[in-house]
Protein backbone atom coordinates (compact mmCIF):
# COMPACT_ATOMS: atom_id res chain seq x y z
CA MET A 1 0.00 0.00 0.00
CA ALA A 2 2.85 2.40 0.71
CA LYS A 3 4.41 1.73 -2.72
CA ILE A 4 7.92 1.40 -1.30
CA SER A 5 10.37 -1.46 -1.46
CA ALA A 6 10.42 -4.34 1.00
CA SER A 7 14.02 -3.45 1.88
CA THR A 8 12.89 0.02 2.99
CA VAL A 9 10.21 -1.49 5.22
CA THR A 10 12.80 -3.90 6.63
CA SER A 11 15.19 -1.01 7.31
CA ALA A 12 12.42 0.90 9.10
CA CYS A 13 11.49 -2.13 11.20
CA ARG A 14 15.14 -2.55 12.21
CA GLY A 15 15.33 1.07 13.33
CA GLN A 16 17.68 2.08 10.54
CA THR A 17 17.56 5.49 8.91
CA ILE A 18 15.08 6.00 6.07
CA SER A 19 14.04 9.17 4.25
CA ALA A 20 11.25 11.36 5.58
CA GLU A 21 9.26 10.69 2.39
CA LYS A 22 9.43 6.91 2.93
CA ALA A 23 8.49 7.31 6.59
CA LYS A 24 5.47 9.38 5.58
CA ALA A 25 4.43 6.77 3.00
CA ILE A 26 4.61 4.01 5.61
CA SER A 27 2.68 6.14 8.12
CA ASN A 28 -0.02 6.92 5.59
CA ALA A 29 -0.38 3.24 4.69
CA LEU A 30 -0.73 2.32 8.38
CA GLY A 31 -3.04 5.25 9.10
CA ASP A 32 -0.91 6.67 11.91
CA PRO A 33 0.82 10.05 12.19
CA THR A 34 4.47 9.99 11.12
CA GLU A 35 5.56 11.54 14.44
CA THR A 36 3.97 8.61 16.32
CA LEU A 37 5.82 5.93 14.37
CA PHE A 38 9.15 7.61 13.57
CA SER A 39 11.73 9.84 15.19
CA ILE A 40 12.47 12.62 12.71
CA GLN A 41 16.09 13.77 12.79
CA ARG A 42 17.62 16.46 10.65
CA ASP A 43 21.24 16.46 9.50
CA MET A 44 22.58 19.81 10.67
CA ARG A 45 26.20 19.26 9.61
CA PRO A 46 27.58 22.08 7.45
CA LEU A 47 28.14 21.39 3.76
CA SER A 48 31.69 20.92 2.54
CA GLU A 49 33.34 23.60 0.40
CA GLN A 50 33.29 21.21 -2.57
CA ASN A 51 29.56 20.57 -2.15
CA VAL A 52 28.86 24.31 -1.99
CA ARG A 53 31.00 24.86 -5.10
CA GLU A 54 29.23 22.07 -7.03
CA ASN A 55 25.81 23.42 -6.09
CA HIS A 56 26.86 26.93 -7.12
CA VAL A 57 28.02 25.66 -10.53
CA LEU A 58 24.70 23.85 -11.02
CA ILE A 59 22.61 26.87 -10.01
CA CYS A 60 24.67 29.16 -12.26
CA ALA A 61 24.17 26.82 -15.21
CA ILE A 62 20.42 26.68 -14.63
CA LEU A 63 20.18 30.45 -14.29
CA ALA A 64 22.37 30.95 -17.38
CA GLN A 65 19.93 28.88 -19.40
CA ALA A 66 16.97 30.75 -17.89
CA GLU A 67 18.65 34.07 -18.81
CA LYS A 68 19.30 32.79 -22.34
CA GLU A 69 15.61 31.90 -22.66
CA MET A 70 14.71 35.32 -21.22
CA LEU A 71 12.96 33.79 -18.20
CA VAL A 72 15.03 35.88 -15.77
CA PRO A 73 16.54 39.34 -16.35
CA TYR A 74 20.08 38.29 -15.27
CA ASN A 75 22.02 35.38 -13.81
CA ALA A 76 22.16 36.14 -10.09
CA GLY A 77 24.47 33.15 -9.61
CA GLU A 78 27.25 34.93 -11.47
CA LYS A 79 27.04 37.82 -9.02
CA ALA A 80 27.33 35.57 -5.94
């Protein structure tokens, strides 16, 4: 009913980490609130410099294409 893999259900039953989306799908299938069945934890570790750089490159490329297609007036990523 939750439309998720058996391995995800097994991981959840074993108390292993699963995504919030999968936890919500399981909760919905069982008819219980997610907060009742799962402990939601957020990863608050800072991103690495390389990760920030890679995300910046991706955002700049997306905004460059949007500027080319005249969807945005300028590429704000280039100014950051």
